[in-house]
Amino acid sequence: MITMQSEKFIIENDDYFGDFDLRLTLNSGQTSQPPWLLENNKYCEVLKFDDTDVLVEISQESLNDDLIVSCYSECDIDVENVRKKIFYIFDLDYDITEVYDFLDENKELNDVYKFNKGLRLFKAQFPYECIISSICSANNSIKRWTKSITDIKMAYGDEILFNNRKYHLFPEEKVFLNIPDSDDGLKSFGVGYRSSYMLNSTKKIIDEVDFHNKINKCSYSEAFDKIIELDGVGPKVADCILLYGYNKHEAYPVDVWINRITSYIYFKGQKQTNKKIMGFAQDKFGEYSGYVQLYLFNYARLSGLTEKLKSKK
């Protein structure tokens, strides 16, 4: 009989720089992957370390409270590795106070961070899952694409049993490529016309040796030129993939709302092309572009700016 190993540790606010709100971050609609499963006020996900699967449960009462982390595995648990991966996924190794200072120094953005305290990037454990999630998110609602990706995981991902509950990892590229492109195959998960994009992109990734590591090593601009070659990946989706899948903070994903918000703040409400908005962001926001985009979207939603812009359509 296999004995389940368990470990527990705490991440305090003093362990990282700036604010963190676990609930806000996981429910902000970022396209890296579906949010972690919420059970009994704990967010749960299976993290993979080489050949070891670890169920991680994290809870936090409110902004900047301690993160209580519990881990379970059939193998020995390397707590330091779990801690490092949590820091990566929630961008806790990034000094968020730099973003606050940058926003504070730009008069157009003075109030933005007040609506976003504790919101951090929610980065993908697996870059490939982020690629498929981001392709699925194009012209799609958050609710629909998260359901599609979750259902694909449950149908084709590795199944792991922890504490009498089944969990699933996202399928690897070679497994995904074998899903039929049909109404009773990939299309049955509600991805529609995106199914061929997903499968064609998967084949390109498989055909190139060490694809993900090559992207990681590229500069932002080099990585953008490479990612946009994938099927179904336009500029907005490419920037989502680079931001959440490969930790390229310079990315500024521009959809219809970010275009309207940026145009309203910086171009007197005159609509600009997405390409111009992207170039403007690179020059104006630089390495803070990803966070500015994330914060602007949430700010517009919470401050009433989104409703104001709707009425101007």
C-alpha atoms as a PDB file:
ATOM      1  CA  MET A   1       0.000   0.000   0.000  1.00  0.00           C
ATOM      2  CA  ILE A   2       1.328   3.438  -0.957  1.00  0.00           C
ATOM      3  CA  THR A   3       1.549   5.920   1.887  1.00  0.00           C
ATOM      4  CA  MET A   4       0.538   9.481   1.053  1.00  0.00           C
ATOM      5  CA  GLN A   5       3.180  12.032   1.992  1.00  0.00           C
ATOM      6  CA  SER A   6       2.128  15.477   3.205  1.00  0.00           C
ATOM      7  CA  GLU A   7       3.831  18.771   4.018  1.00  0.00           C
ATOM      8  CA  LYS A   8       2.595  22.167   5.144  1.00  0.00           C
ATOM      9  CA  PHE A   9       4.259  25.572   5.070  1.00  0.00           C
ATOM     10  CA  ILE A  10       3.418  29.262   5.192  1.00  0.00           C
ATOM     11  CA  ILE A  11       4.323  32.082   2.811  1.00  0.00           C
ATOM     12  CA  GLU A  12       4.220  35.371   4.685  1.00  0.00           C
ATOM     13  CA  ASN A  13       3.810  38.811   3.143  1.00  0.00           C
ATOM     14  CA  ASP A  14       7.380  39.647   4.191  1.00  0.00           C
ATOM     15  CA  ASP A  15       8.617  36.809   1.967  1.00  0.00           C
ATOM     16  CA  TYR A  16       7.907  38.807  -1.212  1.00  0.00           C
ATOM     17  CA  PHE A  17       7.823  42.468  -2.247  1.00  0.00           C
ATOM     18  CA  GLY A  18       4.450  44.217  -2.313  1.00  0.00           C
ATOM     19  CA  ASP A  19       0.846  43.075  -2.227  1.00  0.00           C
ATOM     20  CA  PHE A  20      -0.772  39.773  -3.134  1.00  0.00           C
ATOM     21  CA  ASP A  21      -4.421  38.807  -3.282  1.00  0.00           C
ATOM     22  CA  LEU A  22      -4.820  35.127  -4.210  1.00  0.00           C
ATOM     23  CA  ARG A  23      -8.562  35.283  -4.894  1.00  0.00           C
ATOM     24  CA  LEU A  24      -8.359  38.425  -7.030  1.00  0.00           C
ATOM     25  CA  THR A  25      -5.492  36.996  -9.068  1.00  0.00           C
ATOM     26  CA  LEU A  26      -7.120  33.624  -9.735  1.00  0.00           C
ATOM     27  CA  ASN A  27     -10.463  35.140 -10.716  1.00  0.00           C
ATOM     28  CA  SER A  28      -9.152  37.911 -12.991  1.00  0.00           C
ATOM     29  CA  GLY A  29      -9.709  36.004 -16.256  1.00  0.00           C
ATOM     30  CA  GLN A  30      -6.074  35.727 -17.304  1.00  0.00           C
ATOM     31  CA  THR A  31      -5.644  33.326 -20.231  1.00  0.00           C
ATOM     32  CA  SER A  32      -2.789  31.232 -18.866  1.00  0.00           C
ATOM     33  CA  GLN A  33      -5.108  28.409 -17.785  1.00  0.00           C
ATOM     34  CA  PRO A  34      -8.434  27.948 -15.973  1.00  0.00           C
ATOM     35  CA  PRO A  35      -8.406  29.127 -12.342  1.00  0.00           C
ATOM     36  CA  TRP A  36      -7.419  26.587  -9.729  1.00  0.00           C
ATOM     37  CA  LEU A  37     -10.227  24.500  -8.236  1.00  0.00           C
ATOM     38  CA  LEU A  38     -11.823  26.064  -5.149  1.00  0.00           C
ATOM     39  CA  GLU A  39     -12.755  23.582  -2.400  1.00  0.00           C
ATOM     40  CA  ASN A  40     -13.473  24.411   1.233  1.00  0.00           C
ATOM     41  CA  ASN A  41     -11.936  27.887   0.833  1.00  0.00           C
ATOM     42  CA  LYS A  42      -8.733  26.377  -0.549  1.00  0.00           C
ATOM     43  CA  TYR A  43      -7.462  26.671  -4.117  1.00  0.00           C
ATOM     44  CA  CYS A  44      -6.195  23.319  -5.398  1.00  0.00           C
ATOM     45  CA  GLU A  45      -3.999  22.295  -8.327  1.00  0.00           C
ATOM     46  CA  VAL A  46      -1.655  19.438  -9.202  1.00  0.00           C
ATOM     47  CA  LEU A  47       1.885  20.665  -9.836  1.00  0.00           C
ATOM     48  CA  LYS A  48       4.336  18.480 -11.745  1.00  0.00           C
ATOM     49  CA  PHE A  49       8.013  18.106 -10.824  1.00  0.00           C
ATOM     50  CA  ASP A  50       9.799  15.781 -13.284  1.00  0.00           C
ATOM     51  CA  ASP A  51       8.034  12.459 -12.561  1.00  0.00           C
ATOM     52  CA  THR A  52       6.476  13.578  -9.286  1.00  0.00           C
ATOM     53  CA  ASP A  53       2.917  14.924  -8.995  1.00  0.00           C
ATOM     54  CA  VAL A  54       2.104  17.077  -5.990  1.00  0.00           C
ATOM     55  CA  LEU A  55      -1.376  18.240  -5.030  1.00  0.00           C
ATOM     56  CA  VAL A  56      -1.085  21.784  -3.694  1.00  0.00           C
ATOM     57  CA  GLU A  57      -3.802  23.487  -1.637  1.00  0.00           C
ATOM     58  CA  ILE A  58      -3.463  27.218  -0.911  1.00  0.00           C
ATOM     59  CA  SER A  59      -5.650  29.417   1.245  1.00  0.00           C
ATOM     60  CA  GLN A  60      -5.515  33.107   2.114  1.00  0.00           C
ATOM     61  CA  GLU A  61      -8.071  35.016   4.163  1.00  0.00           C
ATOM     62  CA  SER A  62      -7.632  38.390   2.474  1.00  0.00           C
ATOM     63  CA  LEU A  63      -5.129  40.769   0.877  1.00  0.00           C
ATOM     64  CA  ASN A  64      -1.556  40.214   2.187  1.00  0.00           C
ATOM     65  CA  ASP A  65      -2.577  37.627   4.776  1.00  0.00           C
ATOM     66  CA  ASP A  66      -0.373  34.550   5.104  1.00  0.00           C
ATOM     67  CA  LEU A  67      -0.641  31.934   2.376  1.00  0.00           C
ATOM     68  CA  ILE A  68      -1.233  28.549   3.983  1.00  0.00           C
ATOM     69  CA  VAL A  69       0.118  25.830   1.705  1.00  0.00           C
ATOM     70  CA  SER A  70      -0.562  22.100   2.081  1.00  0.00           C
ATOM     71  CA  CYS A  71       1.054  19.516  -0.223  1.00  0.00           C
ATOM     72  CA  TYR A  72       0.266  15.848  -0.867  1.00  0.00           C
ATOM     73  CA  SER A  73       2.114  13.257  -2.938  1.00  0.00           C
ATOM     74  CA  GLU A  74       2.849   9.553  -3.168  1.00  0.00           C
ATOM     75  CA  CYS A  75       6.549  10.494  -3.337  1.00  0.00           C
ATOM     76  CA  ASP A  76       8.791  12.556  -1.101  1.00  0.00           C
ATOM     77  CA  ILE A  77       7.927  16.249  -1.375  1.00  0.00           C
ATOM     78  CA  ASP A  78      10.631  18.817  -1.990  1.00  0.00           C
ATOM     79  CA  VAL A  79       9.064  21.788  -0.196  1.00  0.00           C
ATOM     80  CA  GLU A  80      11.552  24.263  -1.618  1.00  0.00           C
ATOM     81  CA  ASN A  81      10.700  23.240  -5.195  1.00  0.00           C
ATOM     82  CA  VAL A  82       6.977  23.582  -4.476  1.00  0.00           C
ATOM     83  CA  ARG A  83       7.576  26.993  -2.963  1.00  0.00           C
ATOM     84  CA  LYS A  84       9.610  28.116  -6.002  1.00  0.00           C
ATOM     85  CA  LYS A  85       6.898  27.013  -8.412  1.00  0.00           C
ATOM     86  CA  ILE A  86       4.195  28.830  -6.436  1.00  0.00           C
ATOM     87  CA  PHE A  87       6.368  31.966  -6.480  1.00  0.00           C
ATOM     88  CA  TYR A  88       6.738  31.614 -10.258  1.00  0.00           C
ATOM     89  CA  ILE A  89       3.067  30.953 -11.051  1.00  0.00           C
ATOM     90  CA  PHE A  90       1.842  33.914  -8.983  1.00  0.00           C
ATOM     91  CA  ASP A  91       4.802  36.137  -9.882  1.00  0.00           C
ATOM     92  CA  LEU A  92       5.765  36.514  -6.224  1.00  0.00           C
ATOM     93  CA  ASP A  93       9.431  36.770  -7.166  1.00  0.00           C
ATOM     94  CA  TYR A  94       8.619  40.078  -8.885  1.00  0.00           C
ATOM     95  CA  ASP A  95       8.716  43.348  -6.954  1.00  0.00           C
ATOM     96  CA  ILE A  96       5.202  44.658  -7.591  1.00  0.00           C
ATOM     97  CA  THR A  97       6.045  47.936  -5.853  1.00  0.00           C
ATOM     98  CA  GLU A  98       7.990  48.866  -9.014  1.00  0.00           C
ATOM     99  CA  VAL A  99       4.698  48.734 -10.945  1.00  0.00           C
ATOM    100  CA  TYR A 100       2.970  50.865  -8.299  1.00  0.00           C
ATOM    101  CA  ASP A 101       5.772  53.435  -8.484  1.00  0.00           C
ATOM    102  CA  PHE A 102       5.589  53.500 -12.285  1.00  0.00           C
ATOM    103  CA  LEU A 103       1.825  54.042 -12.216  1.00  0.00           C
ATOM    104  CA  ASP A 104       2.212  56.742  -9.585  1.00  0.00           C
ATOM    105  CA  GLU A 105       4.738  58.614 -11.728  1.00  0.00           C
ATOM    106  CA  ASN A 106       2.333  58.722 -14.697  1.00  0.00           C
ATOM    107  CA  LYS A 107      -0.509  61.148 -14.014  1.00  0.00           C
ATOM    108  CA  GLU A 108      -2.892  59.335 -16.388  1.00  0.00           C
ATOM    109  CA  LEU A 109      -2.500  56.161 -14.313  1.00  0.00           C
ATOM    110  CA  ASN A 110      -2.411  57.593 -10.782  1.00  0.00           C
ATOM    111  CA  ASP A 111      -5.602  55.864  -9.605  1.00  0.00           C
ATOM    112  CA  VAL A 112      -5.168  52.597 -11.450  1.00  0.00           C
ATOM    113  CA  TYR A 113      -3.313  50.565  -8.838  1.00  0.00           C
ATOM    114  CA  LYS A 114      -5.815  51.499  -6.123  1.00  0.00           C
ATOM    115  CA  PHE A 115      -8.296  49.202  -7.884  1.00  0.00           C
ATOM    116  CA  ASN A 116      -5.719  46.433  -8.305  1.00  0.00           C
ATOM    117  CA  LYS A 117      -3.979  45.985  -4.965  1.00  0.00           C
ATOM    118  CA  GLY A 118      -2.665  42.455  -4.808  1.00  0.00           C
ATOM    119  CA  LEU A 119      -3.422  41.549  -8.428  1.00  0.00           C
ATOM    120  CA  ARG A 120      -0.486  39.703  -9.943  1.00  0.00           C
ATOM    121  CA  LEU A 121       0.189  37.756 -13.103  1.00  0.00           C
ATOM    122  CA  PHE A 122      -1.225  34.219 -13.047  1.00  0.00           C
ATOM    123  CA  LYS A 123       1.371  32.390 -15.122  1.00  0.00           C
ATOM    124  CA  ALA A 124       1.063  28.959 -16.667  1.00  0.00           C
ATOM    125  CA  GLN A 125       2.633  25.882 -15.153  1.00  0.00           C
ATOM    126  CA  PHE A 126       2.855  24.506 -18.706  1.00  0.00           C
ATOM    127  CA  PRO A 127       3.519  26.950 -21.599  1.00  0.00           C
ATOM    128  CA  TYR A 128       1.703  24.585 -23.952  1.00  0.00           C
ATOM    129  CA  GLU A 129      -1.497  24.776 -21.905  1.00  0.00           C
ATOM    130  CA  CYS A 130      -1.265  28.568 -22.110  1.00  0.00           C
ATOM    131  CA  ILE A 131      -0.916  28.404 -25.902  1.00  0.00           C
ATOM    132  CA  ILE A 132      -4.057  26.284 -26.265  1.00  0.00           C
ATOM    133  CA  SER A 133      -5.956  28.352 -23.665  1.00  0.00           C
ATOM    134  CA  SER A 134      -5.033  31.595 -25.402  1.00  0.00           C
ATOM    135  CA  ILE A 135      -6.056  30.303 -28.838  1.00  0.00           C
ATOM    136  CA  CYS A 136      -9.320  29.122 -27.286  1.00  0.00           C
ATOM    137  CA  SER A 137      -9.914  32.538 -25.670  1.00  0.00           C
ATOM    138  CA  ALA A 138      -9.903  34.439 -28.980  1.00  0.00           C
ATOM    139  CA  ASN A 139     -13.364  35.934 -29.644  1.00  0.00           C
ATOM    140  CA  ASN A 140     -14.653  33.891 -26.745  1.00  0.00           C
ATOM    141  CA  SER A 141     -16.006  34.525 -23.254  1.00  0.00           C
ATOM    142  CA  ILE A 142     -13.980  33.692 -20.135  1.00  0.00           C
ATOM    143  CA  LYS A 143     -16.687  31.271 -19.009  1.00  0.00           C
ATOM    144  CA  ARG A 144     -16.715  29.374 -22.309  1.00  0.00           C
ATOM    145  CA  TRP A 145     -12.980  29.037 -22.860  1.00  0.00           C
ATOM    146  CA  THR A 146     -12.278  28.006 -19.258  1.00  0.00           C
ATOM    147  CA  LYS A 147     -14.959  25.303 -19.534  1.00  0.00           C
ATOM    148  CA  SER A 148     -13.514  24.057 -22.825  1.00  0.00           C
ATOM    149  CA  ILE A 149      -9.972  23.805 -21.436  1.00  0.00           C
ATOM    150  CA  THR A 150     -11.165  22.200 -18.189  1.00  0.00           C
ATOM    151  CA  ASP A 151     -13.204  19.603 -20.100  1.00  0.00           C
ATOM    152  CA  ILE A 152     -10.239  18.779 -22.372  1.00  0.00           C
ATOM    153  CA  LYS A 153      -8.069  18.242 -19.287  1.00  0.00           C
ATOM    154  CA  MET A 154     -10.630  15.901 -17.754  1.00  0.00           C
ATOM    155  CA  ALA A 155     -11.047  13.886 -20.947  1.00  0.00           C
ATOM    156  CA  TYR A 156      -7.437  13.587 -22.126  1.00  0.00           C
ATOM    157  CA  GLY A 157      -5.092  14.706 -19.352  1.00  0.00           C
ATOM    158  CA  ASP A 158      -3.274  12.409 -16.954  1.00  0.00           C
ATOM    159  CA  GLU A 159      -5.563  11.515 -14.063  1.00  0.00           C
ATOM    160  CA  ILE A 160      -4.172  11.688 -10.535  1.00  0.00           C
ATOM    161  CA  LEU A 161      -6.021  10.479  -7.442  1.00  0.00           C
ATOM    162  CA  PHE A 162      -5.427  12.446  -4.251  1.00  0.00           C
ATOM    163  CA  ASN A 163      -7.469  12.125  -1.072  1.00  0.00           C
ATOM    164  CA  ASN A 164     -10.147  10.125  -2.949  1.00  0.00           C
ATOM    165  CA  ARG A 165     -10.616  12.853  -5.552  1.00  0.00           C
ATOM    166  CA  LYS A 166      -9.589  12.825  -9.206  1.00  0.00           C
ATOM    167  CA  TYR A 167      -7.467  15.649 -10.624  1.00  0.00           C
ATOM    168  CA  HIS A 168      -6.185  16.111 -14.156  1.00  0.00           C
ATOM    169  CA  LEU A 169      -3.150  17.675 -15.802  1.00  0.00           C
ATOM    170  CA  PHE A 170      -3.389  19.285 -19.209  1.00  0.00           C
ATOM    171  CA  PRO A 171      -2.522  16.729 -21.936  1.00  0.00           C
ATOM    172  CA  GLU A 172       0.944  16.895 -23.426  1.00  0.00           C
ATOM    173  CA  GLU A 173       1.393  17.851 -27.071  1.00  0.00           C
ATOM    174  CA  LYS A 174       1.613  14.286 -28.443  1.00  0.00           C
ATOM    175  CA  VAL A 175      -1.573  13.273 -26.623  1.00  0.00           C
ATOM    176  CA  PHE A 176      -3.422  16.395 -27.746  1.00  0.00           C
ATOM    177  CA  LEU A 177      -2.415  15.864 -31.374  1.00  0.00           C
ATOM    178  CA  ASN A 178      -4.263  12.517 -31.384  1.00  0.00           C
ATOM    179  CA  ILE A 179      -7.622  14.072 -30.479  1.00  0.00           C
ATOM    180  CA  PRO A 180      -9.798  13.820 -33.623  1.00  0.00           C
ATOM    181  CA  ASP A 181     -10.688  17.125 -35.289  1.00  0.00           C
ATOM    182  CA  SER A 182     -14.382  16.242 -35.422  1.00  0.00           C
ATOM    183  CA  ASP A 183     -17.739  16.981 -33.824  1.00  0.00           C
ATOM    184  CA  ASP A 184     -17.301  14.036 -31.457  1.00  0.00           C
ATOM    185  CA  GLY A 185     -13.621  14.855 -30.898  1.00  0.00           C
ATOM    186  CA  LEU A 186     -12.036  18.239 -30.222  1.00  0.00           C
ATOM    187  CA  LYS A 187     -15.063  20.210 -31.430  1.00  0.00           C
ATOM    188  CA  SER A 188     -17.227  18.485 -28.803  1.00  0.00           C
ATOM    189  CA  PHE A 189     -15.496  20.689 -26.201  1.00  0.00           C
ATOM    190  CA  GLY A 190     -17.004  23.849 -27.667  1.00  0.00           C
ATOM    191  CA  VAL A 191     -13.829  25.154 -29.333  1.00  0.00           C
ATOM    192  CA  GLY A 192     -15.493  25.429 -32.753  1.00  0.00           C
ATOM    193  CA  TYR A 193     -13.331  26.593 -35.662  1.00  0.00           C
ATOM    194  CA  ARG A 194     -10.369  26.934 -33.281  1.00  0.00           C
ATOM    195  CA  SER A 195      -9.878  23.141 -33.259  1.00  0.00           C
ATOM    196  CA  SER A 196      -7.809  23.144 -36.459  1.00  0.00           C
ATOM    197  CA  TYR A 197      -5.723  26.065 -35.143  1.00  0.00           C
ATOM    198  CA  MET A 198      -5.001  24.148 -31.951  1.00  0.00           C
ATOM    199  CA  LEU A 199      -4.008  20.948 -33.759  1.00  0.00           C
ATOM    200  CA  ASN A 200      -1.914  22.681 -36.443  1.00  0.00           C
ATOM    201  CA  SER A 201      -0.087  24.737 -33.798  1.00  0.00           C
ATOM    202  CA  THR A 202       0.527  21.603 -31.738  1.00  0.00           C
ATOM    203  CA  LYS A 203       2.117  19.883 -34.739  1.00  0.00           C
ATOM    204  CA  LYS A 204       4.411  22.867 -35.346  1.00  0.00           C
ATOM    205  CA  ILE A 205       5.495  22.805 -31.699  1.00  0.00           C
ATOM    206  CA  ILE A 206       6.217  19.069 -31.806  1.00  0.00           C
ATOM    207  CA  ASP A 207       8.123  19.372 -35.081  1.00  0.00           C
ATOM    208  CA  GLU A 208      10.564  21.922 -33.655  1.00  0.00           C
ATOM    209  CA  VAL A 209      13.088  20.524 -31.195  1.00  0.00           C
ATOM    210  CA  ASP A 210      13.059  22.227 -27.780  1.00  0.00           C
ATOM    211  CA  PHE A 211      10.398  24.726 -28.870  1.00  0.00           C
ATOM    212  CA  HIS A 212       9.516  26.068 -25.420  1.00  0.00           C
ATOM    213  CA  ASN A 213      13.093  26.542 -24.230  1.00  0.00           C
ATOM    214  CA  LYS A 214      13.938  28.418 -27.433  1.00  0.00           C
ATOM    215  CA  ILE A 215      11.063  30.851 -26.795  1.00  0.00           C
ATOM    216  CA  ASN A 216      12.155  31.284 -23.184  1.00  0.00           C
ATOM    217  CA  LYS A 217      15.636  32.262 -24.309  1.00  0.00           C
ATOM    218  CA  CYS A 218      14.434  34.748 -26.945  1.00  0.00           C
ATOM    219  CA  SER A 219      14.004  38.450 -26.372  1.00  0.00           C
ATOM    220  CA  TYR A 220      10.403  39.643 -26.343  1.00  0.00           C
ATOM    221  CA  SER A 221      10.470  40.826 -29.973  1.00  0.00           C
ATOM    222  CA  GLU A 222      12.160  37.644 -31.204  1.00  0.00           C
ATOM    223  CA  ALA A 223       9.683  35.507 -29.261  1.00  0.00           C
ATOM    224  CA  PHE A 224       6.745  37.498 -30.667  1.00  0.00           C
ATOM    225  CA  ASP A 225       7.892  36.908 -34.260  1.00  0.00           C
ATOM    226  CA  LYS A 226       8.144  33.170 -33.570  1.00  0.00           C
ATOM    227  CA  ILE A 227       4.902  32.693 -31.630  1.00  0.00           C
ATOM    228  CA  ILE A 228       2.803  34.574 -34.176  1.00  0.00           C
ATOM    229  CA  GLU A 229       3.741  31.919 -36.762  1.00  0.00           C
ATOM    230  CA  LEU A 230       1.475  29.442 -34.945  1.00  0.00           C
ATOM    231  CA  ASP A 231      -1.986  28.899 -36.442  1.00  0.00           C
ATOM    232  CA  GLY A 232      -4.762  30.963 -34.880  1.00  0.00           C
ATOM    233  CA  VAL A 233      -2.279  33.259 -33.177  1.00  0.00           C
ATOM    234  CA  GLY A 234      -2.685  36.944 -33.994  1.00  0.00           C
ATOM    235  CA  PRO A 235      -0.938  39.801 -32.165  1.00  0.00           C
ATOM    236  CA  LYS A 236      -3.274  39.808 -29.143  1.00  0.00           C
ATOM    237  CA  VAL A 237      -3.106  36.041 -28.623  1.00  0.00           C
ATOM    238  CA  ALA A 238       0.675  36.096 -29.169  1.00  0.00           C
ATOM    239  CA  ASP A 239       1.088  38.668 -26.403  1.00  0.00           C
ATOM    240  CA  CYS A 240      -1.151  36.645 -24.064  1.00  0.00           C
ATOM    241  CA  ILE A 241       1.007  33.588 -24.686  1.00  0.00           C
ATOM    242  CA  LEU A 242       4.253  35.503 -24.158  1.00  0.00           C
ATOM    243  CA  LEU A 243       3.023  37.180 -20.974  1.00  0.00           C
ATOM    244  CA  TYR A 244       1.455  34.179 -19.247  1.00  0.00           C
ATOM    245  CA  GLY A 245       3.290  31.282 -20.858  1.00  0.00           C
ATOM    246  CA  TYR A 246       6.826  32.645 -21.099  1.00  0.00           C
ATOM    247  CA  ASN A 247       6.989  35.448 -18.521  1.00  0.00           C
ATOM    248  CA  LYS A 248       7.646  38.232 -21.057  1.00  0.00           C
ATOM    249  CA  HIS A 249       6.498  41.263 -19.041  1.00  0.00           C
ATOM    250  CA  GLU A 250       6.846  43.557 -22.082  1.00  0.00           C
ATOM    251  CA  ALA A 251       3.777  41.993 -23.752  1.00  0.00           C
ATOM    252  CA  TYR A 252       0.652  44.180 -24.000  1.00  0.00           C
ATOM    253  CA  PRO A 253      -2.280  42.079 -25.268  1.00  0.00           C
ATOM    254  CA  VAL A 254      -4.655  44.390 -27.151  1.00  0.00           C
ATOM    255  CA  ASP A 255      -8.279  43.330 -27.557  1.00  0.00           C
ATOM    256  CA  VAL A 256     -11.231  45.584 -28.309  1.00  0.00           C
ATOM    257  CA  TRP A 257     -11.485  46.735 -24.684  1.00  0.00           C
ATOM    258  CA  ILE A 258      -7.811  47.470 -24.151  1.00  0.00           C
ATOM    259  CA  ASN A 259      -7.889  49.395 -27.420  1.00  0.00           C
ATOM    260  CA  ARG A 260     -10.837  51.491 -26.208  1.00  0.00           C
ATOM    261  CA  ILE A 261      -9.351  52.031 -22.745  1.00  0.00           C
ATOM    262  CA  THR A 262      -5.896  53.009 -24.041  1.00  0.00           C
ATOM    263  CA  SER A 263      -7.396  55.226 -26.739  1.00  0.00           C
ATOM    264  CA  TYR A 264      -9.604  56.937 -24.159  1.00  0.00           C
ATOM    265  CA  ILE A 265      -6.749  57.641 -21.747  1.00  0.00           C
ATOM    266  CA  TYR A 266      -3.986  58.553 -24.191  1.00  0.00           C
ATOM    267  CA  PHE A 267      -5.590  59.502 -27.531  1.00  0.00           C
ATOM    268  CA  LYS A 268      -8.547  61.651 -26.431  1.00  0.00           C
ATOM    269  CA  GLY A 269     -10.915  58.801 -27.219  1.00  0.00           C
ATOM    270  CA  GLN A 270      -9.903  58.632 -30.882  1.00  0.00           C
ATOM    271  CA  LYS A 271      -9.782  54.970 -31.895  1.00  0.00           C
ATOM    272  CA  GLN A 272      -6.327  53.745 -32.884  1.00  0.00           C
ATOM    273  CA  THR A 273      -5.263  50.573 -34.668  1.00  0.00           C
ATOM    274  CA  ASN A 274      -4.256  47.683 -32.434  1.00  0.00           C
ATOM    275  CA  LYS A 275      -0.785  47.817 -33.982  1.00  0.00           C
ATOM    276  CA  LYS A 276      -0.402  51.466 -32.999  1.00  0.00           C
ATOM    277  CA  ILE A 277      -1.609  50.744 -29.462  1.00  0.00           C
ATOM    278  CA  MET A 278       0.923  47.910 -29.133  1.00  0.00           C
ATOM    279  CA  GLY A 279       3.777  50.114 -30.341  1.00  0.00           C
ATOM    280  CA  PHE A 280       2.682  52.915 -28.045  1.00  0.00           C
ATOM    281  CA  ALA A 281       2.667  50.528 -25.066  1.00  0.00           C
ATOM    282  CA  GLN A 282       6.186  49.300 -25.833  1.00  0.00           C
ATOM    283  CA  ASP A 283       7.482  52.875 -25.882  1.00  0.00           C
ATOM    284  CA  LYS A 284       5.422  54.196 -22.965  1.00  0.00           C
ATOM    285  CA  PHE A 285       5.271  51.262 -20.545  1.00  0.00           C
ATOM    286  CA  GLY A 286       8.254  49.083 -21.545  1.00  0.00           C
ATOM    287  CA  GLU A 287       8.876  46.278 -19.068  1.00  0.00           C
ATOM    288  CA  TYR A 288       5.690  47.214 -17.165  1.00  0.00           C
ATOM    289  CA  SER A 289       3.428  46.733 -20.211  1.00  0.00           C
ATOM    290  CA  GLY A 290       1.981  43.407 -19.085  1.00  0.00           C
ATOM    291  CA  TYR A 291       0.988  44.688 -15.680  1.00  0.00           C
ATOM    292  CA  VAL A 292      -0.345  47.984 -17.046  1.00  0.00           C
ATOM    293  CA  GLN A 293      -2.601  46.046 -19.441  1.00  0.00           C
ATOM    294  CA  LEU A 294      -3.816  43.730 -16.675  1.00  0.00           C
ATOM    295  CA  TYR A 295      -4.444  46.618 -14.302  1.00  0.00           C
ATOM    296  CA  LEU A 296      -6.126  48.852 -16.885  1.00  0.00           C
ATOM    297  CA  PHE A 297      -8.661  46.167 -17.753  1.00  0.00           C
ATOM    298  CA  ASN A 298      -9.537  45.528 -14.111  1.00  0.00           C
ATOM    299  CA  TYR A 299      -9.542  49.260 -13.328  1.00  0.00           C
ATOM    300  CA  ALA A 300     -11.937  49.998 -16.195  1.00  0.00           C
ATOM    301  CA  ARG A 301     -14.303  47.273 -15.027  1.00  0.00           C
ATOM    302  CA  LEU A 302     -14.333  48.329 -11.361  1.00  0.00           C
ATOM    303  CA  SER A 303     -14.237  52.107 -11.826  1.00  0.00           C
ATOM    304  CA  GLY A 304     -17.167  52.287 -14.247  1.00  0.00           C
ATOM    305  CA  LEU A 305     -14.989  53.239 -17.224  1.00  0.00           C
ATOM    306  CA  THR A 306     -16.112  50.154 -19.153  1.00  0.00           C
ATOM    307  CA  GLU A 307     -19.762  51.212 -18.899  1.00  0.00           C
ATOM    308  CA  LYS A 308     -18.823  54.745 -19.909  1.00  0.00           C
ATOM    309  CA  LEU A 309     -17.004  53.469 -22.990  1.00  0.00           C
ATOM    310  CA  LYS A 310     -19.944  51.213 -23.882  1.00  0.00           C
ATOM    311  CA  SER A 311     -22.207  54.239 -24.009  1.00  0.00           C
ATOM    312  CA  LYS A 312     -19.832  55.965 -26.430  1.00  0.00           C
ATOM    313  CA  LYS A 313     -20.001  53.181 -29.009  1.00  0.00           C
END
